[in-house]
C-alpha atoms as a PDB file:
ATOM      1  CA  LEU A   1     -98.858  37.401  31.525  1.00  0.00           C
ATOM      2  CA  VAL A   2     -95.165  36.974  32.224  1.00  0.00           C
ATOM      3  CA  GLU A   3     -92.433  39.049  29.806  1.00  0.00           C
ATOM      4  CA  TYR A   4     -88.713  38.933  30.346  1.00  0.00           C
ATOM      5  CA  THR A   5     -86.126  40.505  28.870  1.00  0.00           C
ATOM      6  CA  VAL A   6     -83.236  39.104  28.026  1.00  0.00           C
ATOM      7  CA  SER A   7     -81.224  42.423  26.411  1.00  0.00           C
ATOM      8  CA  PRO A   8     -81.976  45.296  25.791  1.00  0.00           C
ATOM      9  CA  ASN A   9     -83.356  43.920  22.373  1.00  0.00           C
ATOM     10  CA  TRP A  10     -84.882  40.665  22.811  1.00  0.00           C
ATOM     11  CA  PHE A  11     -87.559  39.430  25.217  1.00  0.00           C
ATOM     12  CA  ALA A  12     -89.882  36.588  25.372  1.00  0.00           C
ATOM     13  CA  ALA A  13     -93.693  36.311  26.789  1.00  0.00           C
ATOM     14  CA  ALA A  14     -95.620  33.583  28.022  1.00  0.00           C
ATOM     15  CA  LEU A  15     -99.770  34.381  28.258  1.00  0.00           C
ATOM     16  CA  LEU A  16    -102.748  32.053  29.539  1.00  0.00           C
ATOM     17  CA  GLN A  17    -105.954  33.987  29.593  1.00  0.00           C
ATOM     18  CA  TYR A  18    -108.719  31.493  31.329  1.00  0.00           C
ATOM     19  CA  ASN A  19    -112.638  32.217  29.932  1.00  0.00           C
ATOM     20  CA  TYR A  20    -113.980  31.563  34.478  1.00  0.00           C
ATOM     21  CA  GLY A  21    -116.792  32.993  33.344  1.00  0.00           C
ATOM     22  CA  ASN A  22    -118.892  29.884  31.899  1.00  0.00           C
ATOM     23  CA  ASP A  23    -121.015  27.999  34.604  1.00  0.00           C
ATOM     24  CA  HIS A  24    -119.559  24.328  33.696  1.00  0.00           C
ATOM     25  CA  GLU A  25    -116.168  24.098  33.979  1.00  0.00           C
ATOM     26  CA  TYR A  26    -115.493  21.931  31.118  1.00  0.00           C
ATOM     27  CA  ASP A  27    -116.334  24.179  28.902  1.00  0.00           C
ATOM     28  CA  ARG A  28    -114.108  26.982  30.545  1.00  0.00           C
ATOM     29  CA  ASP A  29    -112.028  27.649  27.377  1.00  0.00           C
ATOM     30  CA  LYS A  30    -107.591  28.366  28.293  1.00  0.00           C
ATOM     31  CA  TYR A  31    -105.918  30.418  25.582  1.00  0.00           C
ATOM     32  CA  PRO A  32    -102.001  29.656  26.384  1.00  0.00           C
ATOM     33  CA  PHE A  33     -99.711  31.482  24.135  1.00  0.00           C
ATOM     34  CA  PHE A  34     -95.813  32.152  23.560  1.00  0.00           C
ATOM     35  CA  SER A  35     -93.859  34.652  22.469  1.00  0.00           C
ATOM     36  CA  LEU A  36     -90.406  35.961  21.589  1.00  0.00           C
ATOM     37  CA  GLY A  37     -89.343  39.291  19.893  1.00  0.00           C
ATOM     38  CA  TYR A  38     -86.619  42.145  19.143  1.00  0.00           C
ATOM     39  CA  ILE A  39     -86.766  45.125  19.060  1.00  0.00           C
ATOM     40  CA  ASN A  40     -84.455  47.763  17.077  1.00  0.00           C
ATOM     41  CA  GLY A  41     -85.553  51.264  17.264  1.00  0.00           C
ATOM     42  CA  SER A  42     -88.982  51.813  16.860  1.00  0.00           C
ATOM     43  CA  ASN A  43     -89.358  48.590  15.240  1.00  0.00           C
ATOM     44  CA  ARG A  44     -91.170  45.133  16.964  1.00  0.00           C
ATOM     45  CA  ILE A  45     -90.876  41.745  15.052  1.00  0.00           C
ATOM     46  CA  THR A  46     -92.203  38.656  17.694  1.00  0.00           C
ATOM     47  CA  ILE A  47     -92.918  35.617  16.326  1.00  0.00           C
ATOM     48  CA  GLY A  48     -95.623  33.377  18.854  1.00  0.00           C
ATOM     49  CA  TYR A  49     -97.391  30.661  18.778  1.00  0.00           C
ATOM     50  CA  GLY A  50    -100.392  29.400  20.537  1.00  0.00           C
ATOM     51  CA  LYS A  51    -104.412  29.562  20.800  1.00  0.00           C
ATOM     52  CA  GLN A  52    -105.518  33.716  21.381  1.00  0.00           C
ATOM     53  CA  ARG A  53    -108.960  34.811  21.317  1.00  0.00           C
ATOM     54  CA  ALA A  54    -109.829  37.712  19.665  1.00  0.00           C
ATOM     55  CA  GLY A  55    -109.506  41.554  21.613  1.00  0.00           C
ATOM     56  CA  LEU A  56    -107.470  43.514  23.224  1.00  0.00           C
ATOM     57  CA  PHE A  57    -103.629  41.708  22.971  1.00  0.00           C
ATOM     58  CA  CYS A  58    -101.117  43.638  24.966  1.00  0.00           C
ATOM     59  CA  VAL A  59     -97.285  42.336  25.151  1.00  0.00           C
ATOM     60  CA  GLY A  60     -94.672  44.859  26.413  1.00  0.00           C
ATOM     61  CA  GLY A  61     -96.508  47.562  26.763  1.00  0.00           C
ATOM     62  CA  VAL A  62     -97.859  47.445  22.483  1.00  0.00           C
ATOM     63  CA  CYS A  63    -101.625  46.602  22.358  1.00  0.00           C
ATOM     64  CA  ARG A  64    -103.873  46.155  19.262  1.00  0.00           C
ATOM     65  CA  ILE A  65    -106.611  44.953  18.592  1.00  0.00           C
ATOM     66  CA  VAL A  66    -106.516  40.991  17.621  1.00  0.00           C
ATOM     67  CA  PRO A  67    -108.723  38.523  16.188  1.00  0.00           C
ATOM     68  CA  ALA A  68    -108.756  35.060  16.902  1.00  0.00           C
ATOM     69  CA  SER A  69    -106.404  32.752  16.276  1.00  0.00           C
ATOM     70  CA  SER A  70    -104.393  28.918  17.016  1.00  0.00           C
ATOM     71  CA  GLY A  71    -101.204  28.458  15.687  1.00  0.00           C
ATOM     72  CA  PHE A  72     -98.149  30.493  14.378  1.00  0.00           C
ATOM     73  CA  THR A  73     -98.069  34.016  14.128  1.00  0.00           C
ATOM     74  CA  VAL A  74     -96.046  36.589  13.063  1.00  0.00           C
ATOM     75  CA  SER A  75     -96.877  40.152  13.569  1.00  0.00           C
ATOM     76  CA  VAL A  76     -94.465  43.340  12.897  1.00  0.00           C
ATOM     77  CA  THR A  77     -94.995  47.036  14.882  1.00  0.00           C
ATOM     78  CA  SER A  78     -93.831  49.713  13.853  1.00  0.00           C
ATOM     79  CA  SER A  79     -94.333  53.326  15.608  1.00  0.00           C
ATOM     80  CA  PHE A  80     -93.363  56.761  14.280  1.00  0.00           C
END
Protein backbone atom coordinates (compact mmCIF):
# COMPACT_ATOMS: atom_id res chain seq x y z
CA LEU A 1 0.00 0.00 0.00
CA VAL A 2 1.28 3.44 -0.98
CA GLU A 3 -0.65 6.54 0.01
CA TYR A 4 -0.03 10.17 -0.81
CA THR A 5 -1.90 13.12 0.67
CA VAL A 6 -1.90 16.10 -1.71
CA SER A 7 -3.52 18.58 0.69
CA PRO A 8 -5.53 18.32 3.88
CA ASN A 9 -8.49 17.16 1.76
CA TRP A 10 -7.21 15.05 -1.18
CA PHE A 11 -5.44 11.68 -1.18
CA ALA A 12 -4.38 8.97 -3.62
CA ALA A 13 -3.58 5.33 -2.88
CA ALA A 14 -2.23 2.33 -4.78
CA LEU A 15 -2.46 -1.20 -3.42
CA LEU A 16 -1.19 -4.53 -4.72
CA GLN A 17 -2.29 -7.64 -2.85
CA TYR A 18 -0.69 -10.92 -3.81
CA ASN A 19 -1.78 -14.49 -3.06
CA TYR A 20 1.60 -16.07 -2.29
CA GLY A 21 0.10 -19.12 -0.52
CA ASN A 22 -0.57 -21.19 -3.65
CA ASP A 23 2.07 -23.82 -4.49
CA HIS A 24 1.68 -23.17 -8.24
CA GLU A 25 3.14 -19.76 -9.07
CA TYR A 26 0.90 -19.29 -12.13
CA ASP A 27 -2.17 -19.65 -9.84
CA ARG A 28 -1.05 -16.89 -7.47
CA ASP A 29 -3.59 -14.12 -7.97
CA LYS A 30 -2.67 -10.43 -7.96
CA TYR A 31 -5.13 -7.74 -6.88
CA PRO A 32 -4.05 -4.22 -8.03
CA PHE A 33 -6.28 -1.38 -6.81
CA PHE A 34 -5.98 2.41 -7.23
CA SER A 35 -8.08 5.06 -5.51
CA LEU A 36 -8.54 8.82 -5.25
CA GLY A 37 -10.46 10.48 -2.47
CA TYR A 38 -11.68 13.70 -0.95
CA ILE A 39 -12.12 14.32 2.78
CA ASN A 40 -14.45 17.02 4.10
CA GLY A 41 -14.78 17.00 7.88
CA SER A 42 -16.06 13.58 8.90
CA ASN A 43 -17.06 12.64 5.33
CA ARG A 44 -14.90 10.77 2.83
CA ILE A 45 -15.70 10.19 -0.85
CA THR A 46 -13.51 7.69 -2.69
CA ILE A 47 -13.43 6.45 -6.29
CA GLY A 48 -11.33 3.44 -7.15
CA TYR A 49 -10.45 1.06 -9.92
CA GLY A 50 -8.99 -2.41 -9.86
CA LYS A 51 -9.49 -5.92 -8.63
CA GLN A 52 -10.37 -6.33 -4.97
CA ARG A 53 -10.61 -9.52 -2.96
CA ALA A 54 -13.25 -9.95 -0.29
CA GLY A 55 -12.27 -9.15 3.28
CA LEU A 56 -10.91 -6.34 5.42
CA PHE A 57 -9.77 -3.30 3.38
CA CYS A 58 -7.93 -0.36 4.96
CA VAL A 59 -6.99 2.99 3.36
CA GLY A 60 -6.11 6.18 5.21
CA GLY A 61 -6.69 4.65 8.62
CA VAL A 62 -10.28 3.69 7.73
CA CYS A 63 -10.98 -0.05 7.60
CA ARG A 64 -14.11 -1.83 6.41
CA ILE A 65 -15.28 -5.24 5.22
CA VAL A 66 -15.69 -5.32 1.42
CA PRO A 67 -17.05 -7.86 -1.09
CA ALA A 68 -14.95 -9.12 -4.00
CA SER A 69 -15.13 -6.81 -7.01
CA SER A 70 -13.47 -5.93 -10.28
CA GLY A 71 -13.78 -2.55 -12.00
CA PHE A 72 -14.81 0.88 -10.71
CA THR A 73 -16.02 1.52 -7.17
CA VAL A 74 -17.43 4.59 -5.46
CA SER A 75 -17.78 4.81 -1.70
CA VAL A 76 -18.98 7.40 0.78
CA THR A 77 -17.97 7.07 4.42
CA SER A 78 -19.28 9.30 7.20
CA SER A 79 -18.24 9.27 10.85
CA PHE A 80 -20.48 10.65 13.55
